[in-house]
Amino acid sequence: MAETSTKSPPTTRVYIRVALLLGVLTAIEVGLYYLAEFADGFTHSMGAPLLIGLAIAKFLIVVGYFMHLRYERPLLSRTFAIGAVLAGGLYAVVIADTLARL
């Protein structure tokens, strides 16, 4: 099989740093959830967009490092990104339609 990457694969140290970063982002998400429990107006105005943003960031980190997408050819990364954007757009349309019907 031909070599598909010009970057060297990640070391154990990189995986540990990524895991720590994901742990910190998860702790922030849990903190935001509990903050939303005690501050009622925070939930809809800032809480949900922040939690969604953190979830997207964690998704991209996991895909980039643990699925090795960062180290593949750019065409593969672009194909995945286009699919993710289309899926996110479809999700947004369905949610908007559902909310409009309520």
PDB file of N, CA and C in Angstrom:
ATOM      1  N   MET A   1       0.841  -1.173   0.000  1.00  0.00           N
ATOM      2  CA  MET A   1       0.000   0.000   0.000  1.00  0.00           C
ATOM      3  C   MET A   1       0.888   1.239   0.000  1.00  0.00           C
ATOM      4  N   ALA A   2       0.552   2.195  -0.803  1.00  0.00           N
ATOM      5  CA  ALA A   2       1.362   3.398  -0.934  1.00  0.00           C
ATOM      6  C   ALA A   2       1.174   4.306   0.280  1.00  0.00           C
ATOM      7  N   GLU A   3       2.217   5.037   0.573  1.00  0.00           N
ATOM      8  CA  GLU A   3       2.163   5.992   1.675  1.00  0.00           C
ATOM      9  C   GLU A   3       1.225   7.137   1.287  1.00  0.00           C
ATOM     10  N   THR A   4       0.271   7.468   2.170  1.00  0.00           N
ATOM     11  CA  THR A   4      -0.723   8.487   1.843  1.00  0.00           C
ATOM     12  C   THR A   4      -0.514   9.777   2.602  1.00  0.00           C
ATOM     13  N   SER A   5       0.497   9.835   3.452  1.00  0.00           N
ATOM     14  CA  SER A   5       0.647  10.994   4.301  1.00  0.00           C
ATOM     15  C   SER A   5       2.066  11.527   4.243  1.00  0.00           C
ATOM     16  N   THR A   6       2.193  12.842   4.356  1.00  0.00           N
ATOM     17  CA  THR A   6       3.507  13.441   4.442  1.00  0.00           C
ATOM     18  C   THR A   6       3.857  13.770   5.883  1.00  0.00           C
ATOM     19  N   LYS A   7       2.882  13.759   6.770  1.00  0.00           N
ATOM     20  CA  LYS A   7       3.112  14.029   8.187  1.00  0.00           C
ATOM     21  C   LYS A   7       3.400  12.726   8.909  1.00  0.00           C
ATOM     22  N   SER A   8       4.232  12.825   9.938  1.00  0.00           N
ATOM     23  CA  SER A   8       4.513  11.626  10.721  1.00  0.00           C
ATOM     24  C   SER A   8       3.345  11.345  11.661  1.00  0.00           C
ATOM     25  N   PRO A   9       3.110  10.080  11.988  1.00  0.00           N
ATOM     26  CA  PRO A   9       1.994   9.746  12.878  1.00  0.00           C
ATOM     27  C   PRO A   9       2.233  10.313  14.278  1.00  0.00           C
ATOM     28  N   PRO A  10       1.170  10.526  15.029  1.00  0.00           N
ATOM     29  CA  PRO A  10       1.307  11.134  16.349  1.00  0.00           C
ATOM     30  C   PRO A  10       1.995  10.195  17.342  1.00  0.00           C
ATOM     31  N   THR A  11       2.663  10.803  18.292  1.00  0.00           N
ATOM     32  CA  THR A  11       3.315  10.038  19.348  1.00  0.00           C
ATOM     33  C   THR A  11       2.347   9.853  20.518  1.00  0.00           C
ATOM     34  N   THR A  12       2.758   9.062  21.474  1.00  0.00           N
ATOM     35  CA  THR A  12       1.940   8.843  22.673  1.00  0.00           C
ATOM     36  C   THR A  12       1.718  10.157  23.415  1.00  0.00           C
ATOM     37  N   ARG A  13       2.717  11.011  23.428  1.00  0.00           N
ATOM     38  CA  ARG A  13       2.604  12.302  24.106  1.00  0.00           C
ATOM     39  C   ARG A  13       1.478  13.154  23.489  1.00  0.00           C
ATOM     40  N   VAL A  14       1.348  13.100  22.169  1.00  0.00           N
ATOM     41  CA  VAL A  14       0.280  13.844  21.495  1.00  0.00           C
ATOM     42  C   VAL A  14      -1.080  13.300  21.900  1.00  0.00           C
ATOM     43  N   TYR A  15      -1.201  11.973  21.955  1.00  0.00           N
ATOM     44  CA  TYR A  15      -2.468  11.370  22.366  1.00  0.00           C
ATOM     45  C   TYR A  15      -2.830  11.745  23.797  1.00  0.00           C
ATOM     46  N   ILE A  16      -1.850  11.807  24.670  1.00  0.00           N
ATOM     47  CA  ILE A  16      -2.115  12.195  26.062  1.00  0.00           C
ATOM     48  C   ILE A  16      -2.564  13.643  26.129  1.00  0.00           C
ATOM     49  N   ARG A  17      -1.916  14.515  25.379  1.00  0.00           N
ATOM     50  CA  ARG A  17      -2.323  15.931  25.363  1.00  0.00           C
ATOM     51  C   ARG A  17      -3.737  16.096  24.814  1.00  0.00           C
ATOM     52  N   VAL A  18      -4.052  15.366  23.757  1.00  0.00           N
ATOM     53  CA  VAL A  18      -5.396  15.442  23.172  1.00  0.00           C
ATOM     54  C   VAL A  18      -6.424  14.930  24.174  1.00  0.00           C
ATOM     55  N   ALA A  19      -6.107  13.834  24.859  1.00  0.00           N
ATOM     56  CA  ALA A  19      -7.026  13.295  25.866  1.00  0.00           C
ATOM     57  C   ALA A  19      -7.236  14.294  26.998  1.00  0.00           C
ATOM     58  N   LEU A  20      -6.176  14.961  27.441  1.00  0.00           N
ATOM     59  CA  LEU A  20      -6.322  15.978  28.488  1.00  0.00           C
ATOM     60  C   LEU A  20      -7.169  17.152  28.002  1.00  0.00           C
ATOM     61  N   LEU A  21      -6.965  17.578  26.770  1.00  0.00           N
ATOM     62  CA  LEU A  21      -7.766  18.652  26.200  1.00  0.00           C
ATOM     63  C   LEU A  21      -9.236  18.260  26.145  1.00  0.00           C
ATOM     64  N   LEU A  22      -9.516  17.035  25.711  1.00  0.00           N
ATOM     65  CA  LEU A  22     -10.897  16.562  25.670  1.00  0.00           C
ATOM     66  C   LEU A  22     -11.493  16.491  27.075  1.00  0.00           C
ATOM     67  N   GLY A  23     -10.695  16.119  28.054  1.00  0.00           N
ATOM     68  CA  GLY A  23     -11.160  16.102  29.440  1.00  0.00           C
ATOM     69  C   GLY A  23     -11.505  17.498  29.939  1.00  0.00           C
ATOM     70  N   VAL A  24     -10.672  18.474  29.602  1.00  0.00           N
ATOM     71  CA  VAL A  24     -10.944  19.857  30.007  1.00  0.00           C
ATOM     72  C   VAL A  24     -12.216  20.369  29.330  1.00  0.00           C
ATOM     73  N   LEU A  25     -12.366  20.098  28.039  1.00  0.00           N
ATOM     74  CA  LEU A  25     -13.579  20.536  27.337  1.00  0.00           C
ATOM     75  C   LEU A  25     -14.823  19.870  27.918  1.00  0.00           C
ATOM     76  N   THR A  26     -14.711  18.607  28.300  1.00  0.00           N
ATOM     77  CA  THR A  26     -15.837  17.919  28.923  1.00  0.00           C
ATOM     78  C   THR A  26     -16.155  18.530  30.278  1.00  0.00           C
ATOM     79  N   ALA A  27     -15.141  18.873  31.054  1.00  0.00           N
ATOM     80  CA  ALA A  27     -15.365  19.523  32.355  1.00  0.00           C
ATOM     81  C   ALA A  27     -16.061  20.874  32.168  1.00  0.00           C
ATOM     82  N   ILE A  28     -15.696  21.603  31.135  1.00  0.00           N
ATOM     83  CA  ILE A  28     -16.361  22.883  30.846  1.00  0.00           C
ATOM     84  C   ILE A  28     -17.820  22.640  30.487  1.00  0.00           C
ATOM     85  N   GLU A  29     -18.082  21.604  29.684  1.00  0.00           N
ATOM     86  CA  GLU A  29     -19.471  21.279  29.333  1.00  0.00           C
ATOM     87  C   GLU A  29     -20.294  20.928  30.564  1.00  0.00           C
ATOM     88  N   VAL A  30     -19.734  20.130  31.456  1.00  0.00           N
ATOM     89  CA  VAL A  30     -20.453  19.759  32.679  1.00  0.00           C
ATOM     90  C   VAL A  30     -20.690  20.988  33.539  1.00  0.00           C
ATOM     91  N   GLY A  31     -19.699  21.852  33.639  1.00  0.00           N
ATOM     92  CA  GLY A  31     -19.866  23.095  34.397  1.00  0.00           C
ATOM     93  C   GLY A  31     -20.954  23.983  33.808  1.00  0.00           C
ATOM     94  N   LEU A  32     -21.003  24.083  32.483  1.00  0.00           N
ATOM     95  CA  LEU A  32     -22.054  24.873  31.834  1.00  0.00           C
ATOM     96  C   LEU A  32     -23.433  24.273  32.090  1.00  0.00           C
ATOM     97  N   TYR A  33     -23.504  22.960  32.101  1.00  0.00           N
ATOM     98  CA  TYR A  33     -24.791  22.305  32.374  1.00  0.00           C
ATOM     99  C   TYR A  33     -25.269  22.645  33.786  1.00  0.00           C
ATOM    100  N   TYR A  34     -24.384  22.543  34.763  1.00  0.00           N
ATOM    101  CA  TYR A  34     -24.796  22.854  36.133  1.00  0.00           C
ATOM    102  C   TYR A  34     -25.052  24.340  36.317  1.00  0.00           C
ATOM    103  N   LEU A  35     -24.343  25.183  35.596  1.00  0.00           N
ATOM    104  CA  LEU A  35     -24.622  26.614  35.639  1.00  0.00           C
ATOM    105  C   LEU A  35     -26.016  26.895  35.090  1.00  0.00           C
ATOM    106  N   ALA A  36     -26.392  26.178  34.050  1.00  0.00           N
ATOM    107  CA  ALA A  36     -27.721  26.349  33.459  1.00  0.00           C
ATOM    108  C   ALA A  36     -28.810  25.895  34.420  1.00  0.00           C
ATOM    109  N   GLU A  37     -28.516  24.944  35.283  1.00  0.00           N
ATOM    110  CA  GLU A  37     -29.498  24.468  36.264  1.00  0.00           C
ATOM    111  C   GLU A  37     -29.835  25.561  37.275  1.00  0.00           C
ATOM    112  N   PHE A  38     -28.844  26.388  37.624  1.00  0.00           N
ATOM    113  CA  PHE A  38     -29.057  27.394  38.664  1.00  0.00           C
ATOM    114  C   PHE A  38     -29.372  28.776  38.107  1.00  0.00           C
ATOM    115  N   ALA A  39     -28.973  29.071  36.891  1.00  0.00           N
ATOM    116  CA  ALA A  39     -29.254  30.368  36.264  1.00  0.00           C
ATOM    117  C   ALA A  39     -30.214  30.124  35.115  1.00  0.00           C
ATOM    118  N   ASP A  40     -31.488  30.354  35.335  1.00  0.00           N
ATOM    119  CA  ASP A  40     -32.534  29.961  34.393  1.00  0.00           C
ATOM    120  C   ASP A  40     -32.400  30.620  33.024  1.00  0.00           C
ATOM    121  N   GLY A  41     -32.076  31.904  32.958  1.00  0.00           N
ATOM    122  CA  GLY A  41     -31.980  32.596  31.681  1.00  0.00           C
ATOM    123  C   GLY A  41     -30.762  32.198  30.874  1.00  0.00           C
ATOM    124  N   PHE A  42     -29.781  31.615  31.524  1.00  0.00           N
ATOM    125  CA  PHE A  42     -28.536  31.235  30.854  1.00  0.00           C
ATOM    126  C   PHE A  42     -28.744  30.077  29.886  1.00  0.00           C
ATOM    127  N   THR A  43     -29.703  29.215  30.159  1.00  0.00           N
ATOM    128  CA  THR A  43     -29.893  27.998  29.391  1.00  0.00           C
ATOM    129  C   THR A  43     -30.103  28.270  27.907  1.00  0.00           C
ATOM    130  N   HIS A  44     -31.051  29.095  27.567  1.00  0.00           N
ATOM    131  CA  HIS A  44     -31.400  29.285  26.165  1.00  0.00           C
ATOM    132  C   HIS A  44     -30.592  30.385  25.499  1.00  0.00           C
ATOM    133  N   SER A  45     -30.207  31.398  26.254  1.00  0.00           N
ATOM    134  CA  SER A  45     -29.518  32.513  25.620  1.00  0.00           C
ATOM    135  C   SER A  45     -28.071  32.199  25.286  1.00  0.00           C
ATOM    136  N   MET A  46     -27.341  31.602  26.217  1.00  0.00           N
ATOM    137  CA  MET A  46     -25.921  31.330  25.982  1.00  0.00           C
ATOM    138  C   MET A  46     -25.542  29.867  26.147  1.00  0.00           C
ATOM    139  N   GLY A  47     -26.235  29.160  26.999  1.00  0.00           N
ATOM    140  CA  GLY A  47     -25.839  27.793  27.332  1.00  0.00           C
ATOM    141  C   GLY A  47     -25.871  26.847  26.163  1.00  0.00           C
ATOM    142  N   ALA A  48     -26.977  26.807  25.444  1.00  0.00           N
ATOM    143  CA  ALA A  48     -27.107  25.862  24.332  1.00  0.00           C
ATOM    144  C   ALA A  48     -26.086  26.130  23.222  1.00  0.00           C
ATOM    145  N   PRO A  49     -25.906  27.368  22.765  1.00  0.00           N
ATOM    146  CA  PRO A  49     -24.888  27.588  21.719  1.00  0.00           C
ATOM    147  C   PRO A  49     -23.470  27.239  22.178  1.00  0.00           C
ATOM    148  N   LEU A  50     -23.156  27.521  23.435  1.00  0.00           N
ATOM    149  CA  LEU A  50     -21.828  27.171  23.939  1.00  0.00           C
ATOM    150  C   LEU A  50     -21.637  25.661  23.991  1.00  0.00           C
ATOM    151  N   LEU A  51     -22.659  24.949  24.452  1.00  0.00           N
ATOM    152  CA  LEU A  51     -22.555  23.490  24.515  1.00  0.00           C
ATOM    153  C   LEU A  51     -22.449  22.875  23.119  1.00  0.00           C
ATOM    154  N   ILE A  52     -23.189  23.416  22.173  1.00  0.00           N
ATOM    155  CA  ILE A  52     -23.107  22.920  20.800  1.00  0.00           C
ATOM    156  C   ILE A  52     -21.721  23.199  20.215  1.00  0.00           C
ATOM    157  N   GLY A  53     -21.201  24.379  20.461  1.00  0.00           N
ATOM    158  CA  GLY A  53     -19.858  24.717  19.979  1.00  0.00           C
ATOM    159  C   GLY A  53     -18.786  23.816  20.575  1.00  0.00           C
ATOM    160  N   LEU A  54     -18.890  23.540  21.872  1.00  0.00           N
ATOM    161  CA  LEU A  54     -17.930  22.644  22.510  1.00  0.00           C
ATOM    162  C   LEU A  54     -18.049  21.219  21.957  1.00  0.00           C
ATOM    163  N   ALA A  55     -19.272  20.775  21.710  1.00  0.00           N
ATOM    164  CA  ALA A  55     -19.468  19.434  21.150  1.00  0.00           C
ATOM    165  C   ALA A  55     -18.857  19.332  19.752  1.00  0.00           C
ATOM    166  N   ILE A  56     -19.020  20.369  18.947  1.00  0.00           N
ATOM    167  CA  ILE A  56     -18.431  20.374  17.600  1.00  0.00           C
ATOM    168  C   ILE A  56     -16.907  20.378  17.691  1.00  0.00           C
ATOM    169  N   ALA A  57     -16.359  21.165  18.608  1.00  0.00           N
ATOM    170  CA  ALA A  57     -14.906  21.205  18.781  1.00  0.00           C
ATOM    171  C   ALA A  57     -14.366  19.838  19.191  1.00  0.00           C
ATOM    172  N   LYS A  58     -15.045  19.183  20.132  1.00  0.00           N
ATOM    173  CA  LYS A  58     -14.610  17.854  20.556  1.00  0.00           C
ATOM    174  C   LYS A  58     -14.716  16.846  19.413  1.00  0.00           C
ATOM    175  N   PHE A  59     -15.774  16.943  18.633  1.00  0.00           N
ATOM    176  CA  PHE A  59     -15.943  16.054  17.476  1.00  0.00           C
ATOM    177  C   PHE A  59     -14.780  16.219  16.510  1.00  0.00           C
ATOM    178  N   LEU A  60     -14.424  17.456  16.205  1.00  0.00           N
ATOM    179  CA  LEU A  60     -13.335  17.698  15.259  1.00  0.00           C
ATOM    180  C   LEU A  60     -11.997  17.210  15.794  1.00  0.00           C
ATOM    181  N   ILE A  61     -11.778  17.358  17.090  1.00  0.00           N
ATOM    182  CA  ILE A  61     -10.532  16.881  17.690  1.00  0.00           C
ATOM    183  C   ILE A  61     -10.451  15.358  17.609  1.00  0.00           C
ATOM    184  N   VAL A  62     -11.542  14.686  17.953  1.00  0.00           N
ATOM    185  CA  VAL A  62     -11.554  13.223  17.899  1.00  0.00           C
ATOM    186  C   VAL A  62     -11.350  12.730  16.475  1.00  0.00           C
ATOM    187  N   VAL A  63     -12.046  13.341  15.533  1.00  0.00           N
ATOM    188  CA  VAL A  63     -11.906  12.928  14.133  1.00  0.00           C
ATOM    189  C   VAL A  63     -10.489  13.194  13.632  1.00  0.00           C
ATOM    190  N   GLY A  64      -9.948  14.338  13.990  1.00  0.00           N
ATOM    191  CA  GLY A  64      -8.624  14.700  13.500  1.00  0.00           C
ATOM    192  C   GLY A  64      -7.509  13.827  14.041  1.00  0.00           C
ATOM    193  N   TYR A  65      -7.571  13.499  15.325  1.00  0.00           N
ATOM    194  CA  TYR A  65      -6.467  12.767  15.935  1.00  0.00           C
ATOM    195  C   TYR A  65      -6.727  11.269  16.065  1.00  0.00           C
ATOM    196  N   PHE A  66      -7.841  10.895  16.657  1.00  0.00           N
ATOM    197  CA  PHE A  66      -8.050   9.481  16.937  1.00  0.00           C
ATOM    198  C   PHE A  66      -8.499   8.692  15.707  1.00  0.00           C
ATOM    199  N   MET A  67      -9.082   9.368  14.727  1.00  0.00           N
ATOM    200  CA  MET A  67      -9.425   8.695  13.473  1.00  0.00           C
ATOM    201  C   MET A  67      -8.361   8.974  12.409  1.00  0.00           C
ATOM    202  N   HIS A  68      -7.308   9.672  12.793  1.00  0.00           N
ATOM    203  CA  HIS A  68      -6.152   9.952  11.940  1.00  0.00           C
ATOM    204  C   HIS A  68      -6.502  10.718  10.668  1.00  0.00           C
ATOM    205  N   LEU A  69      -7.601  11.419  10.658  1.00  0.00           N
ATOM    206  CA  LEU A  69      -7.988  12.171   9.473  1.00  0.00           C
ATOM    207  C   LEU A  69      -7.019  13.320   9.213  1.00  0.00           C
ATOM    208  N   ARG A  70      -6.424  13.830  10.255  1.00  0.00           N
ATOM    209  CA  ARG A  70      -5.468  14.914  10.101  1.00  0.00           C
ATOM    210  C   ARG A  70      -4.236  14.472   9.313  1.00  0.00           C
ATOM    211  N   TYR A  71      -3.932  13.196   9.354  1.00  0.00           N
ATOM    212  CA  TYR A  71      -2.720  12.692   8.730  1.00  0.00           C
ATOM    213  C   TYR A  71      -2.972  12.038   7.376  1.00  0.00           C
ATOM    214  N   GLU A  72      -4.179  12.133   6.880  1.00  0.00           N
ATOM    215  CA  GLU A  72      -4.524  11.551   5.579  1.00  0.00           C
ATOM    216  C   GLU A  72      -4.377  12.600   4.482  1.00  0.00           C
ATOM    217  N   ARG A  73      -4.654  12.166   3.255  1.00  0.00           N
ATOM    218  CA  ARG A  73      -4.602  13.093   2.130  1.00  0.00           C
ATOM    219  C   ARG A  73      -5.682  14.162   2.280  1.00  0.00           C
ATOM    220  N   PRO A  74      -5.432  15.364   1.799  1.00  0.00           N
ATOM    221  CA  PRO A  74      -6.423  16.441   1.918  1.00  0.00           C
ATOM    222  C   PRO A  74      -7.757  16.116   1.259  1.00  0.00           C
ATOM    223  N   LEU A  75      -7.752  15.342   0.178  1.00  0.00           N
ATOM    224  CA  LEU A  75      -9.003  14.997  -0.486  1.00  0.00           C
ATOM    225  C   LEU A  75      -9.932  14.224   0.450  1.00  0.00           C
ATOM    226  N   LEU A  76      -9.388  13.311   1.230  1.00  0.00           N
ATOM    227  CA  LEU A  76     -10.194  12.556   2.180  1.00  0.00           C
ATOM    228  C   LEU A  76     -10.759  13.468   3.261  1.00  0.00           C
ATOM    229  N   SER A  77      -9.954  14.378   3.743  1.00  0.00           N
ATOM    230  CA  SER A  77     -10.418  15.328   4.758  1.00  0.00           C
ATOM    231  C   SER A  77     -11.525  16.223   4.207  1.00  0.00           C
ATOM    232  N   ARG A  78     -11.366  16.690   2.996  1.00  0.00           N
ATOM    233  CA  ARG A  78     -12.387  17.547   2.381  1.00  0.00           C
ATOM    234  C   ARG A  78     -13.691  16.785   2.158  1.00  0.00           C
ATOM    235  N   THR A  79     -13.581  15.542   1.718  1.00  0.00           N
ATOM    236  CA  THR A  79     -14.778  14.729   1.509  1.00  0.00           C
ATOM    237  C   THR A  79     -15.532  14.544   2.815  1.00  0.00           C
ATOM    238  N   PHE A  80     -14.808  14.260   3.878  1.00  0.00           N
ATOM    239  CA  PHE A  80     -15.441  14.112   5.192  1.00  0.00           C
ATOM    240  C   PHE A  80     -16.062  15.427   5.645  1.00  0.00           C
ATOM    241  N   ALA A  81     -15.359  16.535   5.437  1.00  0.00           N
ATOM    242  CA  ALA A  81     -15.865  17.842   5.856  1.00  0.00           C
ATOM    243  C   ALA A  81     -17.142  18.209   5.106  1.00  0.00           C
ATOM    244  N   ILE A  82     -17.179  17.935   3.816  1.00  0.00           N
ATOM    245  CA  ILE A  82     -18.384  18.235   3.038  1.00  0.00           C
ATOM    246  C   ILE A  82     -19.561  17.421   3.552  1.00  0.00           C
ATOM    247  N   GLY A  83     -19.345  16.142   3.824  1.00  0.00           N
ATOM    248  CA  GLY A  83     -20.408  15.302   4.373  1.00  0.00           C
ATOM    249  C   GLY A  83     -20.877  15.789   5.729  1.00  0.00           C
ATOM    250  N   ALA A  84     -19.947  16.213   6.581  1.00  0.00           N
ATOM    251  CA  ALA A  84     -20.315  16.715   7.907  1.00  0.00           C
ATOM    252  C   ALA A  84     -21.110  18.018   7.805  1.00  0.00           C
ATOM    253  N   VAL A  85     -20.722  18.897   6.902  1.00  0.00           N
ATOM    254  CA  VAL A  85     -21.457  20.154   6.715  1.00  0.00           C
ATOM    255  C   VAL A  85     -22.864  19.884   6.192  1.00  0.00           C
ATOM    256  N   LEU A  86     -22.982  18.987   5.232  1.00  0.00           N
ATOM    257  CA  LEU A  86     -24.307  18.646   4.705  1.00  0.00           C
ATOM    258  C   LEU A  86     -25.186  18.009   5.787  1.00  0.00           C
ATOM    259  N   ALA A  87     -24.619  17.121   6.585  1.00  0.00           N
ATOM    260  CA  ALA A  87     -25.384  16.500   7.669  1.00  0.00           C
ATOM    261  C   ALA A  87     -25.807  17.542   8.703  1.00  0.00           C
ATOM    262  N   GLY A  88     -24.911  18.466   9.034  1.00  0.00           N
ATOM    263  CA  GLY A  88     -25.252  19.536   9.973  1.00  0.00           C
ATOM    264  C   GLY A  88     -26.337  20.449   9.426  1.00  0.00           C
ATOM    265  N   GLY A  89     -26.268  20.746   8.144  1.00  0.00           N
ATOM    266  CA  GLY A  89     -27.307  21.572   7.523  1.00  0.00           C
ATOM    267  C   GLY A  89     -28.655  20.880   7.535  1.00  0.00           C
ATOM    268  N   LEU A  90     -28.659  19.595   7.223  1.00  0.00           N
ATOM    269  CA  LEU A  90     -29.905  18.831   7.265  1.00  0.00           C
ATOM    270  C   LEU A  90     -30.469  18.788   8.682  1.00  0.00           C
ATOM    271  N   TYR A  91     -29.611  18.598   9.645  1.00  0.00           N
ATOM    272  CA  TYR A  91     -30.032  18.586  11.048  1.00  0.00           C
ATOM    273  C   TYR A  91     -30.661  19.934  11.428  1.00  0.00           C
ATOM    274  N   ALA A  92     -30.032  21.022  11.016  1.00  0.00           N
ATOM    275  CA  ALA A  92     -30.557  22.359  11.325  1.00  0.00           C
ATOM    276  C   ALA A  92     -31.921  22.577  10.682  1.00  0.00           C
ATOM    277  N   VAL A  93     -32.102  22.130   9.452  1.00  0.00           N
ATOM    278  CA  VAL A  93     -33.393  22.284   8.769  1.00  0.00           C
ATOM    279  C   VAL A  93     -34.472  21.486   9.483  1.00  0.00           C
ATOM    280  N   VAL A  94     -34.169  20.263   9.871  1.00  0.00           N
ATOM    281  CA  VAL A  94     -35.144  19.431  10.564  1.00  0.00           C
ATOM    282  C   VAL A  94     -35.519  20.041  11.910  1.00  0.00           C
ATOM    283  N   ILE A  95     -34.541  20.527  12.653  1.00  0.00           N
ATOM    284  CA  ILE A  95     -34.815  21.158  13.951  1.00  0.00           C
ATOM    285  C   ILE A  95     -35.661  22.415  13.750  1.00  0.00           C
ATOM    286  N   ALA A  96     -35.315  23.230  12.768  1.00  0.00           N
ATOM    287  CA  ALA A  96     -36.072  24.465  12.506  1.00  0.00           C
ATOM    288  C   ALA A  96     -37.514  24.125  12.118  1.00  0.00           C
ATOM    289  N   ASP A  97     -37.706  23.124  11.294  1.00  0.00           N
ATOM    290  CA  ASP A  97     -39.043  22.715  10.892  1.00  0.00           C
ATOM    291  C   ASP A  97     -39.837  22.185  12.077  1.00  0.00           C
ATOM    292  N   THR A  98     -39.185  21.408  12.916  1.00  0.00           N
ATOM    293  CA  THR A  98     -39.855  20.872  14.099  1.00  0.00           C
ATOM    294  C   THR A  98     -40.270  21.987  15.047  1.00  0.00           C
ATOM    295  N   LEU A  99     -39.403  22.951  15.247  1.00  0.00           N
ATOM    296  CA  LEU A  99     -39.733  24.077  16.125  1.00  0.00           C
ATOM    297  C   LEU A  99     -40.837  24.946  15.543  1.00  0.00           C
ATOM    298  N   ALA A 100     -40.856  25.069  14.222  1.00  0.00           N
ATOM    299  CA  ALA A 100     -41.909  25.877  13.588  1.00  0.00           C
ATOM    300  C   ALA A 100     -43.281  25.235  13.721  1.00  0.00           C
ATOM    301  N   ARG A 101     -43.314  23.933  13.811  1.00  0.00           N
ATOM    302  CA  ARG A 101     -44.592  23.214  13.922  1.00  0.00           C
ATOM    303  C   ARG A 101     -45.133  23.193  15.339  1.00  0.00           C
ATOM    304  N   LEU A 102     -44.324  23.537  16.315  1.00  0.00           N
ATOM    305  CA  LEU A 102     -44.771  23.503  17.715  1.00  0.00           C
ATOM    306  C   LEU A 102     -45.678  24.639  18.054  1.00  0.00           C
TER     307      LEU A 102
END
